[in-house]
């Protein structure tokens, strides 16, 4: 990418050593490494997000093609896209179904249990009465 050879790196290291000195050079290298890592992570995140958006767009186009064909006589790649969309929709619905099942089970178990009582708030007057003997 930058086309920097071994000897160019040696010259850069010597110049950095002269300019920064031996005390500050390790800290400068650590800071530079952190920045490089941050840039790489950001670039990877953007790349993954773009690839996901492209995949979603492709699935959307496949779904439109399938709708035009009235979901009949679909090519294998279109059928695979439809199945992938169905699986994604089912996985989105499942967590909510589990939450509803848990809530209804808790409601059935909790029907016979007494509700916890809530103590009334303590006012300043009651606090003063408790302090005075």
Foldseek 3Di string as FASTA:
>chain_A
DPPDDDVNVVVVVVVLCVVQPPVCVVVVVVVVVVVVVVVVVVVVVVVVVVVVVVVVVVLVVLVVVCVVVVVPPDDPVSVVSVVVVVVVVVVVVVVVVVVVVVVVVCCVVCPPPDDDDDDDDDDPVNVVVVVPD
